[in-house]
Amino acid sequence: MKPGYIYDELLYAGDFDEVNIHLLPNIKRIRLWNTDDVFQKLTSVSIYPDHQVKAVMITDETHRDLVYHFSPTVHYFNDDGFEYVPSNEWISREPRTPIKSEVITMNEAITRWNIEIHFVDNYELLKLELTKCGIQYCEQT
């Protein structure tokens, strides 16, 4: 653990659209929300998203098979016992039991959340290019 960090056990949850970044397996990935500015700038890094999607996820090409063979599990919780935090997520400091859980296919997740997944040959280089273009992104590692 890094100096100055505090160890805590939390349950993270998110609103419907916020969980889309967690639909992929445990790999590095970037999420970009659909805005005209962002989607237009993406063309400069050779990514051409459908303008009808809500968000684009980007990961390394080496993860293609892993992504498409992954089946995300989506858990649903009652609202009680969660507090909103600045990261646009909800946390619970106490264990919670889902009221419903479902395992879905990646294709179903893509359709339900209206996202696209793009694969790039050099993920780390893409991050540098996004920064140079002034594109802010969210990364999950």
C-alpha atoms as a PDB file:
ATOM      1  CA  MET A   1       0.000   0.000   0.000  1.00  0.00           C
ATOM      2  CA  LYS A   2       1.218   3.501  -0.835  1.00  0.00           C
ATOM      3  CA  PRO A   3       2.291   5.779   2.038  1.00  0.00           C
ATOM      4  CA  GLY A   4      -0.583   7.946   3.242  1.00  0.00           C
ATOM      5  CA  TYR A   5      -3.278   5.579   1.971  1.00  0.00           C
ATOM      6  CA  ILE A   6      -5.887   4.214   4.344  1.00  0.00           C
ATOM      7  CA  TYR A   7      -6.960   0.594   4.088  1.00  0.00           C
ATOM      8  CA  ASP A   8     -10.727   0.148   4.012  1.00  0.00           C
ATOM      9  CA  GLU A   9     -13.121  -2.473   2.716  1.00  0.00           C
ATOM     10  CA  LEU A  10     -15.918  -1.026   0.623  1.00  0.00           C
ATOM     11  CA  LEU A  11     -18.616  -2.217  -1.711  1.00  0.00           C
ATOM     12  CA  TYR A  12     -18.745   0.000  -4.782  1.00  0.00           C
ATOM     13  CA  ALA A  13     -21.900   0.412  -6.841  1.00  0.00           C
ATOM     14  CA  GLY A  14     -22.879   2.690  -9.666  1.00  0.00           C
ATOM     15  CA  ASP A  15     -25.876   3.994 -11.527  1.00  0.00           C
ATOM     16  CA  PHE A  16     -26.787   2.183 -14.742  1.00  0.00           C
ATOM     17  CA  ASP A  17     -24.537   4.114 -17.128  1.00  0.00           C
ATOM     18  CA  GLU A  18     -21.647   4.361 -14.669  1.00  0.00           C
ATOM     19  CA  VAL A  19     -21.200   0.587 -14.447  1.00  0.00           C
ATOM     20  CA  ASN A  20     -20.447   0.232 -18.164  1.00  0.00           C
ATOM     21  CA  ILE A  21     -16.695   0.472 -17.540  1.00  0.00           C
ATOM     22  CA  HIS A  22     -16.968  -2.526 -15.221  1.00  0.00           C
ATOM     23  CA  LEU A  23     -18.581  -4.785 -17.823  1.00  0.00           C
ATOM     24  CA  LEU A  24     -15.191  -5.811 -19.194  1.00  0.00           C
ATOM     25  CA  PRO A  25     -12.900  -8.365 -17.556  1.00  0.00           C
ATOM     26  CA  ASN A  26     -10.082  -7.295 -15.239  1.00  0.00           C
ATOM     27  CA  ILE A  27      -7.950  -5.577 -17.902  1.00  0.00           C
ATOM     28  CA  LYS A  28      -6.827  -2.017 -18.511  1.00  0.00           C
ATOM     29  CA  ARG A  29      -9.538  -0.116 -20.349  1.00  0.00           C
ATOM     30  CA  ILE A  30     -10.548   3.417 -21.155  1.00  0.00           C
ATOM     31  CA  ARG A  31     -14.052   4.842 -21.244  1.00  0.00           C
ATOM     32  CA  LEU A  32     -14.987   7.875 -23.296  1.00  0.00           C
ATOM     33  CA  TRP A  33     -18.478   9.359 -23.091  1.00  0.00           C
ATOM     34  CA  ASN A  34     -20.216  10.321 -26.310  1.00  0.00           C
ATOM     35  CA  THR A  35     -19.804  14.013 -26.854  1.00  0.00           C
ATOM     36  CA  ASP A  36     -19.426  15.590 -30.285  1.00  0.00           C
ATOM     37  CA  ASP A  37     -16.074  17.044 -29.272  1.00  0.00           C
ATOM     38  CA  VAL A  38     -14.612  13.763 -28.010  1.00  0.00           C
ATOM     39  CA  PHE A  39     -15.937  11.614 -30.849  1.00  0.00           C
ATOM     40  CA  GLN A  40     -14.649  14.118 -33.424  1.00  0.00           C
ATOM     41  CA  LYS A  41     -11.187  14.167 -31.814  1.00  0.00           C
ATOM     42  CA  LEU A  42     -11.089  10.352 -31.773  1.00  0.00           C
ATOM     43  CA  THR A  43     -10.810  10.341 -35.547  1.00  0.00           C
ATOM     44  CA  SER A  44      -7.321  11.842 -35.150  1.00  0.00           C
ATOM     45  CA  VAL A  45      -6.271   8.596 -33.412  1.00  0.00           C
ATOM     46  CA  SER A  46      -8.025   6.432 -36.042  1.00  0.00           C
ATOM     47  CA  ILE A  47     -11.039   5.513 -33.927  1.00  0.00           C
ATOM     48  CA  TYR A  48     -14.373   6.123 -35.618  1.00  0.00           C
ATOM     49  CA  PRO A  49     -17.210   5.430 -33.181  1.00  0.00           C
ATOM     50  CA  ASP A  50     -20.867   5.235 -34.056  1.00  0.00           C
ATOM     51  CA  HIS A  51     -22.324   8.563 -32.916  1.00  0.00           C
ATOM     52  CA  GLN A  52     -25.417   6.766 -31.586  1.00  0.00           C
ATOM     53  CA  VAL A  53     -23.572   4.969 -28.757  1.00  0.00           C
ATOM     54  CA  LYS A  54     -23.403   6.387 -25.233  1.00  0.00           C
ATOM     55  CA  ALA A  55     -19.764   5.502 -24.654  1.00  0.00           C
ATOM     56  CA  VAL A  56     -16.693   3.890 -26.172  1.00  0.00           C
ATOM     57  CA  MET A  57     -14.476   1.433 -24.312  1.00  0.00           C
ATOM     58  CA  ILE A  58     -10.914   0.986 -25.538  1.00  0.00           C
ATOM     59  CA  THR A  59      -8.474  -1.734 -24.619  1.00  0.00           C
ATOM     60  CA  ASP A  60      -5.458  -3.513 -26.065  1.00  0.00           C
ATOM     61  CA  GLU A  61      -5.917  -5.770 -29.088  1.00  0.00           C
ATOM     62  CA  THR A  62      -4.362  -8.664 -27.156  1.00  0.00           C
ATOM     63  CA  HIS A  63      -7.518  -8.747 -24.999  1.00  0.00           C
ATOM     64  CA  ARG A  64     -10.032  -9.199 -27.843  1.00  0.00           C
ATOM     65  CA  ASP A  65     -10.767 -12.890 -27.229  1.00  0.00           C
ATOM     66  CA  LEU A  66     -10.838 -12.401 -23.464  1.00  0.00           C
ATOM     67  CA  VAL A  67     -13.369  -9.568 -23.792  1.00  0.00           C
ATOM     68  CA  TYR A  68     -15.719 -11.373 -26.161  1.00  0.00           C
ATOM     69  CA  HIS A  69     -15.634 -14.595 -24.147  1.00  0.00           C
ATOM     70  CA  PHE A  70     -16.257 -12.779 -20.857  1.00  0.00           C
ATOM     71  CA  SER A  71     -19.706 -12.848 -19.258  1.00  0.00           C
ATOM     72  CA  PRO A  72     -20.234  -9.937 -16.862  1.00  0.00           C
ATOM     73  CA  THR A  73     -22.243 -10.458 -13.712  1.00  0.00           C
ATOM     74  CA  VAL A  74     -24.530  -7.564 -12.847  1.00  0.00           C
ATOM     75  CA  HIS A  75     -25.712  -7.204  -9.251  1.00  0.00           C
ATOM     76  CA  TYR A  76     -28.685  -5.057  -8.229  1.00  0.00           C
ATOM     77  CA  PHE A  77     -28.955  -3.584  -4.725  1.00  0.00           C
ATOM     78  CA  ASN A  78     -31.506  -1.670  -2.711  1.00  0.00           C
ATOM     79  CA  ASP A  79     -30.490   1.960  -2.221  1.00  0.00           C
ATOM     80  CA  ASP A  80     -30.340   1.835   1.559  1.00  0.00           C
ATOM     81  CA  GLY A  81     -26.916   1.753   3.164  1.00  0.00           C
ATOM     82  CA  PHE A  82     -25.050   3.368   0.258  1.00  0.00           C
ATOM     83  CA  GLU A  83     -23.524   6.826   0.260  1.00  0.00           C
ATOM     84  CA  TYR A  84     -22.643   8.876  -2.826  1.00  0.00           C
ATOM     85  CA  VAL A  85     -18.971   9.761  -3.300  1.00  0.00           C
ATOM     86  CA  PRO A  86     -17.260  12.329  -5.603  1.00  0.00           C
ATOM     87  CA  SER A  87     -16.072   9.600  -8.009  1.00  0.00           C
ATOM     88  CA  ASN A  88     -19.696   9.348  -9.206  1.00  0.00           C
ATOM     89  CA  GLU A  89     -20.106   6.024  -7.414  1.00  0.00           C
ATOM     90  CA  TRP A  90     -21.935   4.728  -4.387  1.00  0.00           C
ATOM     91  CA  ILE A  91     -20.217   2.952  -1.507  1.00  0.00           C
ATOM     92  CA  SER A  92     -21.278   0.833   1.400  1.00  0.00           C
ATOM     93  CA  ARG A  93     -18.996   0.223   4.343  1.00  0.00           C
ATOM     94  CA  GLU A  94     -21.130  -2.746   5.385  1.00  0.00           C
ATOM     95  CA  PRO A  95     -21.747  -5.965   3.469  1.00  0.00           C
ATOM     96  CA  ARG A  96     -24.858  -5.884   1.267  1.00  0.00           C
ATOM     97  CA  THR A  97     -26.772  -8.697  -0.350  1.00  0.00           C
ATOM     98  CA  PRO A  98     -27.926  -8.156  -3.930  1.00  0.00           C
ATOM     99  CA  ILE A  99     -31.669  -8.288  -4.527  1.00  0.00           C
ATOM    100  CA  LYS A 100     -30.916  -9.736  -7.969  1.00  0.00           C
ATOM    101  CA  SER A 101     -27.883 -10.920  -9.928  1.00  0.00           C
ATOM    102  CA  GLU A 102     -27.607 -11.890 -13.553  1.00  0.00           C
ATOM    103  CA  VAL A 103     -24.854 -13.163 -15.808  1.00  0.00           C
ATOM    104  CA  ILE A 104     -25.052 -11.815 -19.348  1.00  0.00           C
ATOM    105  CA  THR A 105     -23.064 -12.229 -22.538  1.00  0.00           C
ATOM    106  CA  MET A 106     -20.720  -9.505 -23.707  1.00  0.00           C
ATOM    107  CA  ASN A 107     -22.891  -8.927 -26.779  1.00  0.00           C
ATOM    108  CA  GLU A 108     -25.915  -8.424 -24.514  1.00  0.00           C
ATOM    109  CA  ALA A 109     -23.932  -5.983 -22.353  1.00  0.00           C
ATOM    110  CA  ILE A 110     -22.837  -4.008 -25.420  1.00  0.00           C
ATOM    111  CA  THR A 111     -26.433  -3.751 -26.608  1.00  0.00           C
ATOM    112  CA  ARG A 112     -28.018  -3.037 -23.225  1.00  0.00           C
ATOM    113  CA  TRP A 113     -25.534  -0.290 -22.294  1.00  0.00           C
ATOM    114  CA  ASN A 114     -25.304   0.985 -25.885  1.00  0.00           C
ATOM    115  CA  ILE A 115     -21.503   0.998 -25.953  1.00  0.00           C
ATOM    116  CA  GLU A 116     -18.798   0.154 -28.454  1.00  0.00           C
ATOM    117  CA  ILE A 117     -15.543  -1.606 -27.727  1.00  0.00           C
ATOM    118  CA  HIS A 118     -12.451  -0.696 -29.735  1.00  0.00           C
ATOM    119  CA  PHE A 119      -9.175  -2.563 -29.662  1.00  0.00           C
ATOM    120  CA  VAL A 120      -5.837  -0.853 -30.306  1.00  0.00           C
ATOM    121  CA  ASP A 121      -2.388  -2.228 -31.069  1.00  0.00           C
ATOM    122  CA  ASN A 122      -0.631  -0.044 -28.508  1.00  0.00           C
ATOM    123  CA  TYR A 123      -2.763   0.889 -25.509  1.00  0.00           C
ATOM    124  CA  GLU A 124      -0.096   2.970 -23.734  1.00  0.00           C
ATOM    125  CA  LEU A 125       0.629   4.953 -26.902  1.00  0.00           C
ATOM    126  CA  LEU A 126      -3.096   5.589 -27.351  1.00  0.00           C
ATOM    127  CA  LYS A 127      -3.260   7.121 -23.865  1.00  0.00           C
ATOM    128  CA  LEU A 128      -0.466   9.531 -24.817  1.00  0.00           C
ATOM    129  CA  GLU A 129      -2.232  10.411 -28.075  1.00  0.00           C
ATOM    130  CA  LEU A 130      -5.536  11.034 -26.266  1.00  0.00           C
ATOM    131  CA  THR A 131      -3.766  13.376 -23.858  1.00  0.00           C
ATOM    132  CA  LYS A 132      -2.085  15.233 -26.755  1.00  0.00           C
ATOM    133  CA  CYS A 133      -5.503  15.686 -28.394  1.00  0.00           C
ATOM    134  CA  GLY A 134      -6.938  17.091 -25.159  1.00  0.00           C
ATOM    135  CA  ILE A 135      -9.289  14.171 -24.632  1.00  0.00           C
ATOM    136  CA  GLN A 136     -10.058  13.442 -20.991  1.00  0.00           C
ATOM    137  CA  TYR A 137     -10.846   9.827 -20.269  1.00  0.00           C
ATOM    138  CA  CYS A 138     -11.605   7.470 -17.443  1.00  0.00           C
ATOM    139  CA  GLU A 139      -9.308   4.465 -17.047  1.00  0.00           C
ATOM    140  CA  GLN A 140      -9.950   1.293 -15.090  1.00  0.00           C
ATOM    141  CA  THR A 141      -6.937  -0.892 -14.365  1.00  0.00           C
END
